Every structure is written in structure tokens, then in C-alpha cells.
Amino acid sequence: MDSVFDELYQKYHHDVFQFLFYMVRNKEHAEDLVQEVYIRVFKSYHRFEGKSSEKTWLFSIARNVAIDFFRKQKGWKDRLLDKFDWSTSQVKDEYPIPEEITVQNEEIKWIYKCLEYCTVDQRSVIILRYLNGLSIAETAQTLGWTDSKVKTTQHRALKVLKKHMEMFYEKEGLESEKIRVE
């Protein structure tokens, strides 16, 4: 298996990388996804039946890895928007209009950008709590902290996010309701 795996890697890793790079349009993500492809190949090569060429089989795995990546990306963006609801008084239509989608995408970009102003600990707590959906106790266990430290760090991180989001809205001269971060 090792020689077959090495041969597959040597023959196709550049092509797989190029495919994934064009799919996700980010070098670092593409490199990570190539690793995921070859992990899946290593785990499932014994099930390869030879009904298609190895290259075709490899690219079908790469395509599935890319689809999984996009699903995960969509998932965290949706969770992020749910957690940071800026306008609770507004009645939401089941199907947003294009203008609403554009505003949501901009808010996601700015939330993501504002995370850069948080410390590593604050960012970790926000990601674990709001993107991964962990409870305070689960977050504390994951980080090896007390519940109290998680609550304090979360509170400070949300203050930083709120401050920078408000600064963004002022700078851009946008009308917005008071930014609400919970």
C-alpha cells in the first residue's frame, strides 16, 4: 500500500492541489484540503474497485472534500449571523432579498475582520462558543480553564467586537440600529 500511495501522491498531488486551489481560491486552504484528500485515499484505497482510473477516483475524492469544505464554511457563516443578530425588531422573510444577502455578507466580513482585534484567548472563546456551539462548561474543559475565566474572556471579547463594529459603522457612515452582541 505504501508504494501505491506514494505513487499516487507523486503522480497527482500537483494536479489535485491545482484543482482544489481553483475551487477554494486560497492557497492555505487548498494545501489543507490536499492533505485531507490523501488521508481519505489512505483510509479507503482498499475499497477502490478499479471501475474508473485512479486519477478520476482521486479527483472525485477531491471534489467531495471541496464540497465538504464549502458546507463547513457556509455553516459557520450561518451560525455567526444567527449569534450576532443586529436587528431583532425586524420581521425576517423566509427568503431574503438580494440586498439583505449583501448586507449579511458584509456583516460577516466585518465580524471576521473585527475578530483580529481580539486576543488569541478571546478569539478562541468566541470561535468555540459561537461558531462551534460549545457551552461555557465545554469551552472551559476544552481550554483547560474555569467557567469563570471563559465567561470573563467571552464578555471582554464581545465588548471588543461591539466596539470595532460600531467604529466600522461610524467610519462608513452607515445607518444601523444599535449593535447588539450577546
C-alpha atoms as a PDB file:
ATOM      1  CA  MET A   1       0.000   0.000   0.000  1.00  0.00           C
ATOM      2  CA  ASP A   2       2.790   2.453   0.845  1.00  0.00           C
ATOM      3  CA  SER A   3       4.305   2.217  -2.633  1.00  0.00           C
ATOM      4  CA  VAL A   4       0.890   2.620  -4.279  1.00  0.00           C
ATOM      5  CA  PHE A   5       0.107   5.570  -2.048  1.00  0.00           C
ATOM      6  CA  ASP A   6       3.484   7.172  -2.774  1.00  0.00           C
ATOM      7  CA  GLU A   7       2.980   6.622  -6.495  1.00  0.00           C
ATOM      8  CA  LEU A   8      -0.482   8.234  -6.393  1.00  0.00           C
ATOM      9  CA  TYR A   9       0.904  11.143  -4.449  1.00  0.00           C
ATOM     10  CA  GLN A  10       3.870  11.683  -6.778  1.00  0.00           C
ATOM     11  CA  LYS A  11       1.760  11.402  -9.930  1.00  0.00           C
ATOM     12  CA  TYR A  12      -1.193  13.536  -8.931  1.00  0.00           C
ATOM     13  CA  HIS A  13      -0.533  15.758  -5.930  1.00  0.00           C
ATOM     14  CA  HIS A  14       0.176  18.811  -8.087  1.00  0.00           C
ATOM     15  CA  ASP A  15      -2.985  18.268 -10.138  1.00  0.00           C
ATOM     16  CA  VAL A  16      -5.074  17.730  -7.010  1.00  0.00           C
ATOM     17  CA  PHE A  17      -3.621  20.874  -5.434  1.00  0.00           C
ATOM     18  CA  GLN A  18      -4.326  22.896  -8.567  1.00  0.00           C
ATOM     19  CA  PHE A  19      -7.906  21.609  -8.715  1.00  0.00           C
ATOM     20  CA  LEU A  20      -8.539  22.457  -5.070  1.00  0.00           C
ATOM     21  CA  PHE A  21      -6.818  25.818  -5.365  1.00  0.00           C
ATOM     22  CA  TYR A  22      -9.141  26.845  -8.164  1.00  0.00           C
ATOM     23  CA  MET A  23     -12.106  25.525  -6.220  1.00  0.00           C
ATOM     24  CA  VAL A  24     -11.421  27.339  -2.949  1.00  0.00           C
ATOM     25  CA  ARG A  25      -9.238  30.172  -4.297  1.00  0.00           C
ATOM     26  CA  ASN A  26      -6.964  30.126  -1.261  1.00  0.00           C
ATOM     27  CA  LYS A  27      -3.520  28.527  -1.164  1.00  0.00           C
ATOM     28  CA  GLU A  28      -3.529  27.588   2.524  1.00  0.00           C
ATOM     29  CA  HIS A  29      -6.993  26.050   2.360  1.00  0.00           C
ATOM     30  CA  ALA A  30      -6.033  24.153  -0.783  1.00  0.00           C
ATOM     31  CA  GLU A  31      -2.929  22.741   0.909  1.00  0.00           C
ATOM     32  CA  ASP A  32      -5.004  21.615   3.890  1.00  0.00           C
ATOM     33  CA  LEU A  33      -7.593  20.053   1.616  1.00  0.00           C
ATOM     34  CA  VAL A  34      -4.925  18.149  -0.348  1.00  0.00           C
ATOM     35  CA  GLN A  35      -3.869  16.565   2.925  1.00  0.00           C
ATOM     36  CA  GLU A  36      -7.493  15.657   3.638  1.00  0.00           C
ATOM     37  CA  VAL A  37      -7.771  14.068   0.184  1.00  0.00           C
ATOM     38  CA  TYR A  38      -4.744  11.872   0.766  1.00  0.00           C
ATOM     39  CA  ILE A  39      -5.922  10.928   4.240  1.00  0.00           C
ATOM     40  CA  ARG A  40      -9.170   9.723   2.684  1.00  0.00           C
ATOM     41  CA  VAL A  41      -7.261   7.926  -0.068  1.00  0.00           C
ATOM     42  CA  PHE A  42      -5.093   6.175   2.507  1.00  0.00           C
ATOM     43  CA  LYS A  43      -8.121   5.097   4.534  1.00  0.00           C
ATOM     44  CA  SER A  44     -10.225   3.917   1.614  1.00  0.00           C
ATOM     45  CA  TYR A  45      -7.814   2.636  -1.045  1.00  0.00           C
ATOM     46  CA  HIS A  46      -8.710  -0.944  -0.189  1.00  0.00           C
ATOM     47  CA  ARG A  47     -12.261  -0.176  -1.446  1.00  0.00           C
ATOM     48  CA  PHE A  48     -11.083   1.163  -4.810  1.00  0.00           C
ATOM     49  CA  GLU A  49     -12.553  -1.255  -7.365  1.00  0.00           C
ATOM     50  CA  GLY A  50     -10.811  -0.011 -10.482  1.00  0.00           C
ATOM     51  CA  LYS A  51     -14.075   0.847 -12.281  1.00  0.00           C
ATOM     52  CA  SER A  52     -12.510   4.206 -13.129  1.00  0.00           C
ATOM     53  CA  SER A  53      -8.937   5.380 -13.396  1.00  0.00           C
ATOM     54  CA  GLU A  54      -7.081   6.192 -10.210  1.00  0.00           C
ATOM     55  CA  LYS A  55      -6.926   9.823 -11.312  1.00  0.00           C
ATOM     56  CA  THR A  56     -10.705  10.011 -11.748  1.00  0.00           C
ATOM     57  CA  TRP A  57     -11.225   8.362  -8.383  1.00  0.00           C
ATOM     58  CA  LEU A  58      -8.757  10.781  -6.783  1.00  0.00           C
ATOM     59  CA  PHE A  59     -10.478  13.817  -8.267  1.00  0.00           C
ATOM     60  CA  SER A  60     -13.893  12.590  -7.142  1.00  0.00           C
ATOM     61  CA  ILE A  61     -12.485  12.438  -3.609  1.00  0.00           C
ATOM     62  CA  ALA A  62     -11.002  15.924  -4.057  1.00  0.00           C
ATOM     63  CA  ARG A  63     -14.351  17.225  -5.267  1.00  0.00           C
ATOM     64  CA  ASN A  64     -16.112  15.740  -2.249  1.00  0.00           C
ATOM     65  CA  VAL A  65     -13.506  17.250   0.070  1.00  0.00           C
ATOM     66  CA  ALA A  66     -14.081  20.656  -1.559  1.00  0.00           C
ATOM     67  CA  ILE A  67     -17.862  20.292  -1.180  1.00  0.00           C
ATOM     68  CA  ASP A  68     -17.421  19.398   2.489  1.00  0.00           C
ATOM     69  CA  PHE A  69     -15.203  22.460   2.888  1.00  0.00           C
ATOM     70  CA  PHE A  70     -17.861  24.723   1.348  1.00  0.00           C
ATOM     71  CA  ARG A  71     -20.557  23.226   3.553  1.00  0.00           C
ATOM     72  CA  LYS A  72     -18.457  23.884   6.633  1.00  0.00           C
ATOM     73  CA  GLN A  73     -17.787  27.445   5.511  1.00  0.00           C
ATOM     74  CA  LYS A  74     -21.473  28.069   4.906  1.00  0.00           C
ATOM     75  CA  GLY A  75     -22.301  26.511   8.238  1.00  0.00           C
ATOM     76  CA  TRP A  76     -20.100  28.776  10.310  1.00  0.00           C
ATOM     77  CA  LYS A  77     -21.263  31.868   8.446  1.00  0.00           C
ATOM     78  CA  ASP A  78     -24.894  30.979   9.117  1.00  0.00           C
ATOM     79  CA  ARG A  79     -24.145  30.262  12.781  1.00  0.00           C
ATOM     80  CA  LEU A  80     -22.267  33.532  13.044  1.00  0.00           C
ATOM     81  CA  LEU A  81     -25.187  35.506  11.657  1.00  0.00           C
ATOM     82  CA  ASP A  82     -27.596  33.724  13.994  1.00  0.00           C
ATOM     83  CA  LYS A  83     -25.480  34.552  17.023  1.00  0.00           C
ATOM     84  CA  PHE A  84     -24.890  38.190  16.100  1.00  0.00           C
ATOM     85  CA  ASP A  85     -28.392  39.401  15.314  1.00  0.00           C
ATOM     86  CA  TRP A  86     -28.121  43.126  14.739  1.00  0.00           C
ATOM     87  CA  SER A  87     -31.809  43.877  14.253  1.00  0.00           C
ATOM     88  CA  THR A  88     -34.187  41.775  16.279  1.00  0.00           C
ATOM     89  CA  SER A  89     -37.097  44.150  15.761  1.00  0.00           C
ATOM     90  CA  GLN A  90     -37.124  43.492  12.019  1.00  0.00           C
ATOM     91  CA  VAL A  91     -39.500  40.873  10.672  1.00  0.00           C
ATOM     92  CA  LYS A  92     -37.499  38.400   8.596  1.00  0.00           C
ATOM     93  CA  ASP A  93     -38.825  36.937   5.383  1.00  0.00           C
ATOM     94  CA  GLU A  94     -38.115  33.252   4.850  1.00  0.00           C
ATOM     95  CA  TYR A  95     -36.323  34.112   1.614  1.00  0.00           C
ATOM     96  CA  PRO A  96     -34.082  37.179   1.904  1.00  0.00           C
ATOM     97  CA  ILE A  97     -33.913  39.631  -0.955  1.00  0.00           C
ATOM     98  CA  PRO A  98     -30.537  40.211  -2.667  1.00  0.00           C
ATOM     99  CA  GLU A  99     -29.991  43.447  -0.731  1.00  0.00           C
ATOM    100  CA  GLU A 100     -30.378  41.594   2.574  1.00  0.00           C
ATOM    101  CA  ILE A 101     -27.944  38.907   1.428  1.00  0.00           C
ATOM    102  CA  THR A 102     -25.393  41.594   0.528  1.00  0.00           C
ATOM    103  CA  VAL A 103     -25.773  43.254   3.931  1.00  0.00           C
ATOM    104  CA  GLN A 104     -25.414  39.897   5.707  1.00  0.00           C
ATOM    105  CA  ASN A 105     -22.264  39.084   3.736  1.00  0.00           C
ATOM    106  CA  GLU A 106     -20.790  42.476   4.638  1.00  0.00           C
ATOM    107  CA  GLU A 107     -21.610  41.927   8.310  1.00  0.00           C
ATOM    108  CA  ILE A 108     -19.913  38.532   8.225  1.00  0.00           C
ATOM    109  CA  LYS A 109     -16.811  40.095   6.676  1.00  0.00           C
ATOM    110  CA  TRP A 110     -16.693  42.780   9.344  1.00  0.00           C
ATOM    111  CA  ILE A 111     -17.279  40.377  12.217  1.00  0.00           C
ATOM    112  CA  TYR A 112     -14.468  38.225  10.884  1.00  0.00           C
ATOM    113  CA  LYS A 113     -12.262  41.310  10.466  1.00  0.00           C
ATOM    114  CA  CYS A 114     -13.091  42.534  13.986  1.00  0.00           C
ATOM    115  CA  LEU A 115     -12.036  39.182  15.426  1.00  0.00           C
ATOM    116  CA  GLU A 116      -8.493  40.267  14.538  1.00  0.00           C
ATOM    117  CA  TYR A 117      -8.704  42.888  17.291  1.00  0.00           C
ATOM    118  CA  CYS A 118      -9.371  40.226  19.908  1.00  0.00           C
ATOM    119  CA  THR A 119      -6.588  38.459  21.751  1.00  0.00           C
ATOM    120  CA  VAL A 120      -5.900  34.837  20.893  1.00  0.00           C
ATOM    121  CA  ASP A 121      -7.747  33.740  24.050  1.00  0.00           C
ATOM    122  CA  GLN A 122     -10.734  35.942  23.226  1.00  0.00           C
ATOM    123  CA  ARG A 123     -10.814  34.667  19.646  1.00  0.00           C
ATOM    124  CA  SER A 124     -10.629  31.076  20.890  1.00  0.00           C
ATOM    125  CA  VAL A 125     -13.588  31.576  23.190  1.00  0.00           C
ATOM    126  CA  ILE A 126     -15.693  33.296  20.504  1.00  0.00           C
ATOM    127  CA  ILE A 127     -14.943  30.566  17.973  1.00  0.00           C
ATOM    128  CA  LEU A 128     -15.624  27.720  20.404  1.00  0.00           C
ATOM    129  CA  ARG A 129     -18.759  29.295  21.857  1.00  0.00           C
ATOM    130  CA  TYR A 130     -20.416  30.858  18.823  1.00  0.00           C
ATOM    131  CA  LEU A 131     -19.048  29.037  15.807  1.00  0.00           C
ATOM    132  CA  ASN A 132     -18.678  25.575  17.306  1.00  0.00           C
ATOM    133  CA  GLY A 133     -21.648  25.989  19.624  1.00  0.00           C
ATOM    134  CA  LEU A 134     -19.935  24.747  22.786  1.00  0.00           C
ATOM    135  CA  SER A 135     -21.368  25.557  26.201  1.00  0.00           C
ATOM    136  CA  ILE A 136     -19.387  27.533  28.745  1.00  0.00           C
ATOM    137  CA  ALA A 137     -18.532  24.300  30.578  1.00  0.00           C
ATOM    138  CA  GLU A 138     -17.441  22.557  27.354  1.00  0.00           C
ATOM    139  CA  THR A 139     -15.348  25.572  26.357  1.00  0.00           C
ATOM    140  CA  ALA A 140     -13.714  25.650  29.786  1.00  0.00           C
ATOM    141  CA  GLN A 141     -12.920  21.945  29.556  1.00  0.00           C
ATOM    142  CA  THR A 142     -11.508  22.350  26.027  1.00  0.00           C
ATOM    143  CA  LEU A 143      -9.247  25.233  27.054  1.00  0.00           C
ATOM    144  CA  GLY A 144      -8.385  23.848  30.495  1.00  0.00           C
ATOM    145  CA  TRP A 145      -9.885  26.928  32.172  1.00  0.00           C
ATOM    146  CA  THR A 146     -12.516  27.596  34.810  1.00  0.00           C
ATOM    147  CA  ASP A 147     -16.064  28.518  33.813  1.00  0.00           C
ATOM    148  CA  SER A 148     -15.452  31.934  35.317  1.00  0.00           C
ATOM    149  CA  LYS A 149     -12.432  32.585  33.091  1.00  0.00           C
ATOM    150  CA  VAL A 150     -14.428  31.611  29.994  1.00  0.00           C
ATOM    151  CA  LYS A 151     -17.277  33.969  30.968  1.00  0.00           C
ATOM    152  CA  THR A 152     -14.879  36.837  31.640  1.00  0.00           C
ATOM    153  CA  THR A 153     -12.937  36.278  28.423  1.00  0.00           C
ATOM    154  CA  GLN A 154     -16.171  35.984  26.420  1.00  0.00           C
ATOM    155  CA  HIS A 155     -17.501  39.209  27.935  1.00  0.00           C
ATOM    156  CA  ARG A 156     -14.310  41.082  27.065  1.00  0.00           C
ATOM    157  CA  ALA A 157     -14.227  39.651  23.546  1.00  0.00           C
ATOM    158  CA  LEU A 158     -17.807  40.680  22.872  1.00  0.00           C
ATOM    159  CA  LYS A 159     -17.010  44.195  24.080  1.00  0.00           C
ATOM    160  CA  VAL A 160     -14.071  44.349  21.654  1.00  0.00           C
ATOM    161  CA  LEU A 161     -16.244  43.085  18.770  1.00  0.00           C
ATOM    162  CA  LYS A 162     -19.027  45.530  19.563  1.00  0.00           C
ATOM    163  CA  LYS A 163     -16.618  48.469  19.829  1.00  0.00           C
ATOM    164  CA  HIS A 164     -14.976  47.741  16.488  1.00  0.00           C
ATOM    165  CA  MET A 165     -18.281  47.054  14.727  1.00  0.00           C
ATOM    166  CA  GLU A 166     -19.628  50.396  15.974  1.00  0.00           C
ATOM    167  CA  MET A 167     -16.442  52.105  14.790  1.00  0.00           C
ATOM    168  CA  PHE A 168     -16.894  50.488  11.383  1.00  0.00           C
ATOM    169  CA  TYR A 169     -20.463  51.720  11.086  1.00  0.00           C
ATOM    170  CA  GLU A 170     -19.453  55.243  12.112  1.00  0.00           C
ATOM    171  CA  LYS A 171     -16.493  55.262   9.722  1.00  0.00           C
ATOM    172  CA  GLU A 172     -18.633  54.041   6.844  1.00  0.00           C
ATOM    173  CA  GLY A 173     -21.425  56.478   7.724  1.00  0.00           C
ATOM    174  CA  LEU A 174     -23.934  53.654   7.733  1.00  0.00           C
ATOM    175  CA  GLU A 175     -27.253  53.890   9.438  1.00  0.00           C
ATOM    176  CA  SER A 176     -27.669  50.995  11.765  1.00  0.00           C
ATOM    177  CA  GLU A 177     -29.566  50.151  14.821  1.00  0.00           C
ATOM    178  CA  LYS A 178     -27.508  49.810  17.967  1.00  0.00           C
ATOM    179  CA  ILE A 179     -25.211  46.843  17.511  1.00  0.00           C
ATOM    180  CA  ARG A 180     -26.275  44.010  19.736  1.00  0.00           C
ATOM    181  CA  VAL A 181     -23.770  41.330  20.620  1.00  0.00           C
ATOM    182  CA  GLU A 182     -24.734  38.697  23.147  1.00  0.00           C
END
